[in-house]
């Protein structure tokens, strides 16, 4: 991040276009969770977006050095100074601005590095076994499928709730796409560091771009690209759901199911971690637990464990809860109180806002018990450890688990696992003592990204 501190000027976070850094006239002041300004973010105009997309489309992908460049970028991102910031400075800044606990940011940094180093191999996990990479493969003489891109330019409207969301889109670079990232204005520092590292590692400025814009240009960026990915809430998902050129990454509503043949006490650590890991901010965090039998004992145990989590400033090494500006935190608390009507609170009845005295507030956990498995609250996802616990019966089946990014099934019933896998609206099924947040290189997140970016074409050479 180029820093200019003469007089009252804040450090400047420039756009990164095909000709290098670009400082726009229109700039947004980025603040930390207390409201203190920390940097100015250049917001590029529409003409800059169009010129950048044109340059990316005209560029050829580097066919021979992608894997090496991604591996080198992983080293840079997770170690040395990048963009004028050391790794320690970067992680502290991300924590203070995004409100994500510092320990979570450090874990995310390592995870991004691991996935970036493995991106070339991970991206190819989506390739059909019999498909070839190149039409020149000798096997195409007799006829073979060739795996090919659905376009040339991939645009990303990125999220700012957790730095780990930036571990996915580099797979598009591994597949030969040129990528334009519109960062979240809440936390633009992770994609800036990542894209700078990619460029320093050998990927050209015409391969990957950092394009901060106003909200008015978000959809224009998507229209100008061949394919796009959008992070957002239910409104964003509804707006783009029917567009075959846009992949939506919305709320996860991940869940845990515990059947009567399994003792939840033996898996309490996994249940607690699924709710609270990442500070409860991720789409892979469990927001609902369905249990066959009386939910009350599990609710009591969750309330005891989650209630002991400390409310600290995000940059504290012992912090585990997310922090927001106090006004934002109170708005989330009001939303929770409104949606929780009709449920029994086990934790959070006295409030979930813990003000830290500097204009910011930690969001403390909440545990609520619903009275039926199809209670509407089980679809409510909030960016802190908030979990809804409800009774489940075999008659309720898998219908109450629909629209879940992850379902961790603590059960011995194989026929139930079959039904969970057969349910098309469930993204991932983890059987046994695996937390919902389990992500690793080579495992699909919400399907493989290559499923969306690539297609097969028949090639016959006579």
Protein backbone atom coordinates (compact mmCIF):
# COMPACT_ATOMS: atom_id res chain seq x y z
CA UNK A 1 0.00 0.00 0.00
CA UNK A 2 1.83 3.14 -1.14
CA UNK A 3 1.98 5.44 1.86
CA UNK A 4 2.05 9.20 1.76
CA UNK A 5 1.87 10.80 5.16
CA UNK A 6 2.84 14.41 4.46
CA UNK A 7 0.66 16.74 6.50
CA UNK A 8 -2.80 15.31 7.03
CA UNK A 9 -2.74 12.93 4.06
CA UNK A 10 -3.68 9.32 4.73
CA UNK A 11 -1.99 6.32 3.14
CA UNK A 12 -3.35 5.78 -0.37
CA UNK A 13 -4.72 2.50 -1.67
CA UNK A 14 -4.53 2.84 -5.45
CA UNK A 15 -6.37 0.89 -8.09
CA UNK A 16 -4.18 -1.61 -9.97
CA UNK A 17 -4.93 -1.45 -13.66
CA UNK A 18 -3.22 -2.84 -16.77
CA UNK A 19 -0.68 -0.01 -16.75
CA UNK A 20 0.07 -0.18 -13.05
CA UNK A 21 -1.20 1.76 -10.00
CA UNK A 22 -3.84 4.42 -10.64
CA UNK A 23 -4.87 7.09 -8.18
CA UNK A 24 -8.40 8.29 -8.81
CA UNK A 25 -9.79 11.72 -7.98
CA UNK A 26 -12.76 10.10 -6.27
CA UNK A 27 -11.54 8.49 -3.05
CA UNK A 28 -13.24 6.80 -0.12
CA UNK A 29 -11.89 7.08 3.40
CA UNK A 30 -11.55 3.58 4.89
CA UNK A 31 -12.07 3.53 8.65
CA UNK A 32 -11.38 0.99 11.35
CA UNK A 33 -14.03 -0.39 13.70
CA UNK A 34 -13.77 2.66 15.96
CA UNK A 35 -14.43 5.02 13.05
CA UNK A 36 -10.83 6.24 12.85
CA UNK A 37 -9.63 6.84 9.25
CA UNK A 38 -6.79 4.56 8.16
CA UNK A 39 -6.49 4.96 4.38
CA UNK A 40 -8.00 6.44 1.26
CA UNK A 41 -9.25 4.03 -1.40
CA UNK A 42 -9.29 5.18 -5.03
CA UNK A 43 -12.68 4.59 -6.66
CA UNK A 44 -12.21 4.26 -10.40
CA UNK A 45 -14.70 5.65 -12.94
CA UNK A 46 -16.59 3.59 -15.48
CA UNK A 47 -14.22 4.46 -18.34
CA UNK A 48 -11.32 2.98 -16.35
CA UNK A 49 -13.30 -0.20 -15.75
CA UNK A 50 -14.05 -0.57 -19.46
CA UNK A 51 -10.46 0.07 -20.52
CA UNK A 52 -9.17 -2.43 -17.98
CA UNK A 53 -11.57 -5.15 -19.11
CA UNK A 54 -10.60 -4.51 -22.73
CA UNK A 55 -6.90 -4.87 -21.86
CA UNK A 56 -7.54 -8.07 -19.92
CA UNK A 57 -9.53 -9.55 -22.80
CA UNK A 58 -6.78 -8.77 -25.30
CA UNK A 59 -4.08 -10.35 -23.15
CA UNK A 60 -3.02 -13.93 -23.63
CA UNK A 61 -2.85 -16.19 -20.57
CA UNK A 62 0.71 -17.21 -19.64
CA UNK A 63 0.51 -20.94 -20.46
CA UNK A 64 3.82 -22.12 -19.03
CA UNK A 65 4.39 -20.13 -15.87
CA UNK A 66 1.02 -19.99 -14.13
CA UNK A 67 1.70 -22.71 -11.56
CA UNK A 68 5.12 -21.30 -10.68
CA UNK A 69 3.78 -17.74 -10.42
CA UNK A 70 0.94 -18.81 -8.13
CA UNK A 71 3.36 -20.69 -5.87
CA UNK A 72 5.72 -17.70 -5.75
CA UNK A 73 2.81 -15.37 -4.98
CA UNK A 74 1.83 -17.62 -2.08
CA UNK A 75 5.30 -17.18 -0.60
CA UNK A 76 5.16 -13.41 -0.98
CA UNK A 77 1.64 -13.11 0.41
CA UNK A 78 2.42 -15.11 3.55
CA UNK A 79 5.87 -13.77 4.36
CA UNK A 80 7.64 -10.69 3.09
CA UNK A 81 6.62 -7.07 2.70
CA UNK A 82 4.07 -6.50 -0.07
CA UNK A 83 2.74 -3.16 -1.22
CA UNK A 84 4.66 -1.28 1.46
CA UNK A 85 3.37 -3.32 4.40
CA UNK A 86 4.99 -6.13 6.34
CA UNK A 87 2.86 -9.17 7.02
CA UNK A 88 2.45 -8.16 10.66
CA UNK A 89 1.32 -4.67 9.68
CA UNK A 90 -1.07 -6.06 7.08
CA UNK A 91 -2.71 -8.54 9.46
CA UNK A 92 -3.13 -5.90 12.18
CA UNK A 93 -4.73 -3.54 9.66
CA UNK A 94 -7.13 -6.19 8.34
CA UNK A 95 -8.16 -7.05 11.90
CA UNK A 96 -8.78 -3.42 12.91
CA UNK A 97 -10.69 -2.56 9.73
CA UNK A 98 -12.71 -5.73 9.26
CA UNK A 99 -13.22 -6.44 12.96
CA UNK A 100 -12.08 -10.04 12.46
CA UNK A 101 -10.03 -11.37 15.41
CA UNK A 102 -6.31 -11.18 14.75
CA UNK A 103 -5.85 -14.91 15.28
CA UNK A 104 -8.51 -15.58 12.64
CA UNK A 105 -6.76 -13.21 10.21
CA UNK A 106 -3.46 -15.02 10.76
CA UNK A 107 -5.13 -18.37 10.11
CA UNK A 108 -6.75 -16.96 6.98
CA UNK A 109 -3.40 -15.68 5.73
CA UNK A 110 -1.93 -19.18 5.98
CA UNK A 111 -5.01 -20.71 4.36
CA UNK A 112 -4.92 -18.26 1.43
CA UNK A 113 -1.25 -19.07 0.95
CA UNK A 114 -1.88 -22.81 1.00
CA UNK A 115 -4.76 -22.60 -1.46
CA UNK A 116 -2.86 -20.19 -3.70
CA UNK A 117 0.13 -22.53 -3.87
CA UNK A 118 -2.22 -25.42 -4.69
CA UNK A 119 -4.54 -23.44 -6.99
CA UNK A 120 -3.21 -24.91 -10.24
CA UNK A 121 -3.71 -28.49 -9.08
CA UNK A 122 -6.94 -27.73 -7.21
CA UNK A 123 -8.53 -26.06 -10.23
CA UNK A 124 -7.88 -29.16 -12.30
CA UNK A 125 -9.83 -31.37 -9.89
CA UNK A 126 -12.94 -30.23 -11.77
CA UNK A 127 -11.74 -31.53 -15.12
CA UNK A 128 -13.62 -34.63 -16.36
CA UNK A 129 -11.31 -37.63 -16.18
CA UNK A 130 -11.40 -38.38 -19.89
CA UNK A 131 -11.11 -34.78 -21.08
CA UNK A 132 -7.89 -33.38 -22.53
CA UNK A 133 -6.36 -29.96 -21.82
CA UNK A 134 -5.31 -29.20 -25.37
CA UNK A 135 -6.68 -30.05 -28.80
CA UNK A 136 -3.13 -30.95 -29.83
CA UNK A 137 -3.20 -33.99 -27.53
CA UNK A 138 -2.64 -37.07 -29.74
CA UNK A 139 -5.78 -38.71 -28.35
CA UNK A 140 -7.97 -36.10 -30.05
CA UNK A 141 -7.14 -37.70 -33.41
CA UNK A 142 -9.62 -40.42 -32.55
CA UNK A 143 -11.99 -37.99 -30.86
CA UNK A 144 -11.87 -36.72 -27.30
CA UNK A 145 -13.45 -34.10 -25.09
CA UNK A 146 -11.30 -30.99 -24.58
CA UNK A 147 -11.71 -28.93 -21.43
CA UNK A 148 -11.89 -25.27 -22.35
CA UNK A 149 -12.76 -21.90 -20.83
CA UNK A 150 -16.27 -20.45 -21.15
CA UNK A 151 -14.73 -17.02 -21.62
CA UNK A 152 -11.61 -14.96 -21.10
CA UNK A 153 -12.34 -12.41 -18.35
CA UNK A 154 -13.69 -13.25 -14.90
CA UNK A 155 -14.98 -10.46 -12.63
CA UNK A 156 -15.31 -10.79 -8.86
CA UNK A 157 -17.51 -8.59 -6.67
CA UNK A 158 -15.70 -9.55 -3.49
CA UNK A 159 -16.82 -9.88 0.12
CA UNK A 160 -15.34 -8.09 3.12
CA UNK A 161 -16.62 -10.19 6.00
CA UNK A 162 -13.61 -12.52 6.11
CA UNK A 163 -10.23 -12.46 4.31
CA UNK A 164 -10.52 -16.15 3.50
CA UNK A 165 -13.08 -15.46 0.77
CA UNK A 166 -10.11 -14.45 -1.42
CA UNK A 167 -8.73 -17.98 -1.44
CA UNK A 168 -11.11 -19.13 -4.19
CA UNK A 169 -10.92 -16.77 -7.17
CA UNK A 170 -7.17 -17.33 -7.90
CA UNK A 171 -8.19 -20.72 -9.32
CA UNK A 172 -9.58 -18.74 -12.26
CA UNK A 173 -6.05 -17.48 -12.96
CA UNK A 174 -4.82 -21.07 -12.82
CA UNK A 175 -7.33 -21.92 -15.55
CA UNK A 176 -6.13 -19.12 -17.80
CA UNK A 177 -8.76 -16.47 -17.11
CA UNK A 178 -7.80 -12.85 -16.62
CA UNK A 179 -9.39 -11.62 -13.40
CA UNK A 180 -10.77 -8.24 -12.30
CA UNK A 181 -11.53 -7.94 -8.58
CA UNK A 182 -13.81 -5.28 -7.21
CA UNK A 183 -12.90 -5.29 -3.50
CA UNK A 184 -15.26 -4.72 -0.62
CA UNK A 185 -14.96 -1.14 0.52
CA UNK A 186 -15.13 -2.45 4.09
CA UNK A 187 -11.87 -4.44 3.83
CA UNK A 188 -9.93 -3.90 0.60
CA UNK A 189 -6.47 -4.68 2.00
CA UNK A 190 -6.48 -8.48 1.56
CA UNK A 191 -7.21 -8.43 -2.20
CA UNK A 192 -4.76 -5.54 -2.66
CA UNK A 193 -1.96 -7.51 -1.03
CA UNK A 194 -2.90 -10.66 -2.93
CA UNK A 195 -3.04 -9.00 -6.35
CA UNK A 196 0.19 -7.12 -5.68
CA UNK A 197 1.87 -10.39 -4.73
CA UNK A 198 0.56 -12.05 -7.90
CA UNK A 199 2.00 -9.26 -10.02
CA UNK A 200 5.33 -9.32 -8.21
CA UNK A 201 5.42 -13.09 -8.73
CA UNK A 202 5.33 -12.72 -12.49
CA UNK A 203 1.69 -12.47 -13.55
CA UNK A 204 1.40 -9.43 -15.76
CA UNK A 205 -0.62 -6.30 -15.00
CA UNK A 206 -2.88 -7.39 -17.86
CA UNK A 207 -3.71 -10.66 -16.07
CA UNK A 208 -5.22 -9.52 -12.76
CA UNK A 209 -6.63 -6.13 -11.73
CA UNK A 210 -7.75 -4.42 -8.51
CA UNK A 211 -10.76 -2.24 -9.36
CA UNK A 212 -12.42 -0.43 -6.46
CA UNK A 213 -15.62 1.25 -7.64
CA UNK A 214 -18.79 2.76 -6.35
CA UNK A 215 -21.86 0.57 -5.99
CA UNK A 216 -23.22 2.01 -9.22
CA UNK A 217 -20.51 0.26 -11.26
CA UNK A 218 -20.71 -3.17 -9.61
CA UNK A 219 -23.17 -4.61 -12.13
CA UNK A 220 -21.44 -2.80 -14.98
CA UNK A 221 -18.24 -4.66 -14.14
CA UNK A 222 -20.11 -7.96 -14.33
CA UNK A 223 -21.70 -7.06 -17.67
CA UNK A 224 -18.31 -6.15 -19.12
CA UNK A 225 -16.74 -9.47 -18.17
CA UNK A 226 -17.50 -12.86 -19.69
CA UNK A 227 -18.26 -14.49 -16.35
CA UNK A 228 -18.56 -13.17 -12.83
CA UNK A 229 -18.86 -14.10 -9.18
CA UNK A 230 -20.88 -12.10 -6.66
CA UNK A 231 -20.76 -12.24 -2.88
CA UNK A 232 -23.69 -10.83 -0.97
CA UNK A 233 -26.89 -11.40 0.91
CA UNK A 234 -30.24 -12.72 -0.22
CA UNK A 235 -30.94 -9.61 -2.31
CA UNK A 236 -27.76 -10.11 -4.37
CA UNK A 237 -28.53 -13.80 -4.84
CA UNK A 238 -32.07 -13.08 -6.05
CA UNK A 239 -30.85 -10.37 -8.42
CA UNK A 240 -28.37 -12.66 -10.18
CA UNK A 241 -29.90 -16.09 -9.64
CA UNK A 242 -31.19 -16.47 -13.21
CA UNK A 243 -28.06 -15.11 -14.92
CA UNK A 244 -26.02 -18.08 -16.25
CA UNK A 245 -22.93 -15.86 -16.46
CA UNK A 246 -22.90 -15.03 -12.73
CA UNK A 247 -22.01 -17.36 -9.87
CA UNK A 248 -23.60 -16.23 -6.61
CA UNK A 249 -21.98 -16.75 -3.21
CA UNK A 250 -24.69 -15.92 -0.70
CA UNK A 251 -25.53 -16.87 2.87
CA UNK A 252 -24.39 -20.38 3.76
CA UNK A 253 -26.96 -21.32 6.42
CA UNK A 254 -24.75 -24.27 7.34
CA UNK A 255 -26.26 -26.77 9.77
CA UNK A 256 -25.55 -29.70 12.05
CA UNK A 257 -27.87 -32.70 12.38
CA UNK A 258 -27.65 -34.99 15.42
CA UNK A 259 -29.71 -38.17 15.40
CA UNK A 260 -30.68 -40.26 18.41
CA UNK A 261 -28.04 -42.92 17.72
CA UNK A 262 -25.28 -40.39 18.39
CA UNK A 263 -24.35 -38.81 21.75
CA UNK A 264 -23.95 -35.11 21.13
CA UNK A 265 -21.77 -34.79 24.24
CA UNK A 266 -19.02 -36.66 22.45
CA UNK A 267 -19.12 -34.07 19.66
CA UNK A 268 -19.66 -30.87 21.66
CA UNK A 269 -16.25 -29.45 20.70
CA UNK A 270 -17.08 -29.86 17.02
CA UNK A 271 -20.51 -28.25 17.44
CA UNK A 272 -19.11 -25.28 19.41
CA UNK A 273 -16.25 -24.79 16.94
CA UNK A 274 -18.64 -24.95 13.98
CA UNK A 275 -20.61 -22.07 15.49
CA UNK A 276 -17.75 -19.90 16.75
CA UNK A 277 -14.72 -20.56 14.52
CA UNK A 278 -13.79 -17.59 12.29
CA UNK A 279 -15.61 -15.48 14.89
CA UNK A 280 -18.86 -16.85 13.48
CA UNK A 281 -18.51 -14.60 10.43
CA UNK A 282 -18.26 -17.22 7.67
CA UNK A 283 -20.84 -18.82 5.41
CA UNK A 284 -19.45 -22.16 6.61
CA UNK A 285 -20.22 -21.44 10.26
CA UNK A 286 -23.12 -23.44 11.67
CA UNK A 287 -26.15 -21.26 12.27
CA UNK A 288 -28.57 -24.07 13.15
CA UNK A 289 -28.41 -27.40 14.97
CA UNK A 290 -31.22 -29.93 14.63
CA UNK A 291 -31.27 -32.71 17.20
CA UNK A 292 -33.44 -35.78 17.53
CA UNK A 293 -34.76 -35.56 21.07
CA UNK A 294 -34.89 -32.77 23.65
CA UNK A 295 -32.79 -29.77 22.51
CA UNK A 296 -32.61 -28.23 26.00
CA UNK A 297 -29.50 -30.06 27.31
CA UNK A 298 -27.56 -29.21 24.16
CA UNK A 299 -28.71 -25.58 24.38
CA UNK A 300 -27.51 -25.37 27.97
CA UNK A 301 -24.11 -26.81 27.05
CA UNK A 302 -23.72 -24.45 24.08
CA UNK A 303 -24.70 -21.46 26.20
CA UNK A 304 -22.12 -22.38 28.83
CA UNK A 305 -19.29 -22.83 26.35
CA UNK A 306 -20.09 -19.89 24.07
CA UNK A 307 -20.90 -17.60 26.98
CA UNK A 308 -17.32 -17.92 28.23
CA UNK A 309 -15.83 -16.35 25.08
CA UNK A 310 -14.21 -12.98 25.92
CA UNK A 311 -15.17 -9.66 24.33
CA UNK A 312 -11.90 -8.03 23.27
CA UNK A 313 -10.55 -5.62 20.67
CA UNK A 314 -10.01 -7.52 17.39
CA UNK A 315 -6.23 -7.00 17.37
CA UNK A 316 -5.89 -8.64 20.81
CA UNK A 317 -4.13 -12.00 20.51
CA UNK A 318 -6.85 -13.57 22.69
CA UNK A 319 -9.77 -12.15 20.69
CA UNK A 320 -12.22 -14.69 19.26
CA UNK A 321 -15.35 -12.60 18.63
CA UNK A 322 -16.00 -10.19 15.75
CA UNK A 323 -16.04 -6.45 16.32
CA UNK A 324 -18.12 -3.84 14.52
CA UNK A 325 -18.69 -0.11 14.87
CA UNK A 326 -21.02 0.23 17.85
CA UNK A 327 -23.91 1.55 15.77
CA UNK A 328 -23.63 -1.44 13.42
CA UNK A 329 -23.44 -3.86 16.34
CA UNK A 330 -26.60 -2.43 17.89
CA UNK A 331 -28.38 -2.74 14.54
CA UNK A 332 -27.50 -6.44 14.40
CA UNK A 333 -28.72 -6.85 17.98
CA UNK A 334 -32.05 -5.22 17.09
CA UNK A 335 -32.41 -7.48 14.07
CA UNK A 336 -31.72 -10.53 16.23
CA UNK A 337 -34.28 -9.47 18.83
CA UNK A 338 -36.89 -9.00 16.12
CA UNK A 339 -36.25 -12.37 14.46
CA UNK A 340 -35.98 -14.29 17.75
CA UNK A 341 -39.59 -13.66 18.75
CA UNK A 342 -41.22 -16.95 19.74
CA UNK A 343 -37.97 -18.75 20.57
CA UNK A 344 -36.42 -19.47 23.96
CA UNK A 345 -33.16 -17.60 24.58
CA UNK A 346 -30.43 -19.54 26.38
CA UNK A 347 -27.70 -16.99 25.74
CA UNK A 348 -27.89 -13.39 24.61
CA UNK A 349 -31.19 -12.43 26.24
CA UNK A 350 -29.43 -9.57 28.05
CA UNK A 351 -27.95 -8.37 24.79
CA UNK A 352 -25.15 -9.35 22.45
CA UNK A 353 -23.38 -5.99 22.23
CA UNK A 354 -20.25 -5.48 24.34
CA UNK A 355 -19.02 -1.93 23.77
CA UNK A 356 -15.25 -1.57 23.93
CA UNK A 357 -15.08 2.13 24.77
CA UNK A 358 -13.62 3.42 21.52
CA UNK A 359 -16.74 3.52 19.36
CA UNK A 360 -16.56 -0.17 18.54
CA UNK A 361 -18.31 -3.19 20.05
CA UNK A 362 -17.78 -6.93 20.11
CA UNK A 363 -20.73 -9.11 19.21
CA UNK A 364 -21.25 -11.75 21.87
CA UNK A 365 -22.76 -15.17 21.06
CA UNK A 366 -26.46 -16.01 21.14
CA UNK A 367 -28.19 -19.37 21.55
CA UNK A 368 -31.94 -19.72 20.92
CA UNK A 369 -34.19 -22.77 21.05
CA UNK A 370 -36.94 -23.11 18.46
CA UNK A 371 -39.93 -25.38 18.94
CA UNK A 372 -40.01 -27.10 15.53
CA UNK A 373 -37.51 -28.11 12.82
CA UNK A 374 -39.05 -25.86 10.18
CA UNK A 375 -39.02 -22.73 12.34
CA UNK A 376 -38.19 -19.70 10.16
CA UNK A 377 -35.38 -18.66 12.52
CA UNK A 378 -33.26 -21.56 11.31
CA UNK A 379 -32.71 -19.63 8.10
CA UNK A 380 -31.47 -16.49 9.87
CA UNK A 381 -27.72 -16.00 9.47
CA UNK A 382 -25.87 -13.23 11.32
CA UNK A 383 -22.15 -12.32 11.22
CA UNK A 384 -21.30 -13.49 14.73
CA UNK A 385 -21.77 -16.74 16.71
CA UNK A 386 -25.56 -16.99 16.67
CA UNK A 387 -27.11 -20.46 16.63
CA UNK A 388 -30.68 -21.73 16.53
CA UNK A 389 -31.32 -25.18 18.02
CA UNK A 390 -34.47 -27.13 17.17
CA UNK A 391 -35.90 -30.65 17.60
CA UNK A 392 -35.75 -32.98 14.60
CA UNK A 393 -37.68 -36.12 13.78
CA UNK A 394 -37.26 -38.68 11.00
CA UNK A 395 -40.63 -37.50 9.67
CA UNK A 396 -39.14 -34.03 9.16
CA UNK A 397 -36.54 -35.66 6.93
CA UNK A 398 -34.07 -33.63 4.89
CA UNK A 399 -36.57 -30.97 3.80
CA UNK A 400 -35.69 -28.84 6.85
CA UNK A 401 -32.01 -28.99 5.87
CA UNK A 402 -32.44 -27.59 2.38
CA UNK A 403 -30.52 -24.52 1.19
CA UNK A 404 -27.47 -25.31 3.30
CA UNK A 405 -23.91 -24.81 2.13
CA UNK A 406 -22.72 -27.49 4.58
CA UNK A 407 -24.50 -30.10 6.66
CA UNK A 408 -22.46 -31.97 9.25
CA UNK A 409 -24.37 -35.18 9.99
CA UNK A 410 -23.70 -36.79 13.37
CA UNK A 411 -25.52 -40.01 12.62
CA UNK A 412 -25.08 -43.70 11.95
CA UNK A 413 -27.99 -43.88 9.48
CA UNK A 414 -26.65 -44.54 6.01
CA UNK A 415 -30.02 -44.04 4.34
CA UNK A 416 -30.15 -40.53 5.82
CA UNK A 417 -26.71 -39.74 4.44
CA UNK A 418 -27.91 -40.96 1.03
CA UNK A 419 -30.83 -38.52 1.19
CA UNK A 420 -28.60 -35.63 2.26
CA UNK A 421 -26.30 -36.26 -0.70
CA UNK A 422 -29.27 -36.53 -3.05
CA UNK A 423 -30.71 -33.18 -1.93
CA UNK A 424 -29.62 -30.70 -4.65
CA UNK A 425 -29.74 -27.61 -2.43
CA UNK A 426 -27.22 -28.98 0.08
CA UNK A 427 -23.71 -28.06 -1.02
CA UNK A 428 -21.49 -30.33 1.09
CA UNK A 429 -22.13 -33.24 3.46
CA UNK A 430 -19.69 -33.99 6.28
CA UNK A 431 -20.33 -37.24 8.10
CA UNK A 432 -19.11 -37.61 11.66
CA UNK A 433 -16.84 -35.41 13.73
CA UNK A 434 -16.03 -32.82 11.06
CA UNK A 435 -16.81 -29.12 11.69
CA UNK A 436 -18.84 -27.27 9.11
CA UNK A 437 -15.97 -24.87 8.40
CA UNK A 438 -13.68 -27.61 7.04
CA UNK A 439 -12.09 -26.33 3.83
CA UNK A 440 -8.97 -27.65 2.12
CA UNK A 441 -7.24 -27.33 -1.24
CA UNK A 442 -8.85 -29.67 -3.74
CA UNK A 443 -12.20 -29.83 -1.91
CA UNK A 444 -15.11 -28.03 -3.60
CA UNK A 445 -16.51 -25.10 -1.64
CA UNK A 446 -19.87 -24.70 -3.32
CA UNK A 447 -19.03 -27.01 -6.17
CA UNK A 448 -15.69 -26.62 -7.95
CA UNK A 449 -15.12 -23.17 -9.39
CA UNK A 450 -14.05 -24.99 -12.56
CA UNK A 451 -17.56 -26.41 -12.87
CA UNK A 452 -18.71 -22.86 -13.57
CA UNK A 453 -15.74 -21.51 -15.50
CA UNK A 454 -15.09 -24.40 -17.87
CA UNK A 455 -16.87 -26.69 -20.31
CA UNK A 456 -16.03 -29.66 -22.51
CA UNK A 457 -16.05 -29.62 -26.30
CA UNK A 458 -15.69 -32.59 -28.58
CA UNK A 459 -12.62 -32.47 -30.82
CA UNK A 460 -11.99 -34.94 -33.64
CA UNK A 461 -8.92 -34.59 -35.89
CA UNK A 462 -8.88 -36.52 -39.15
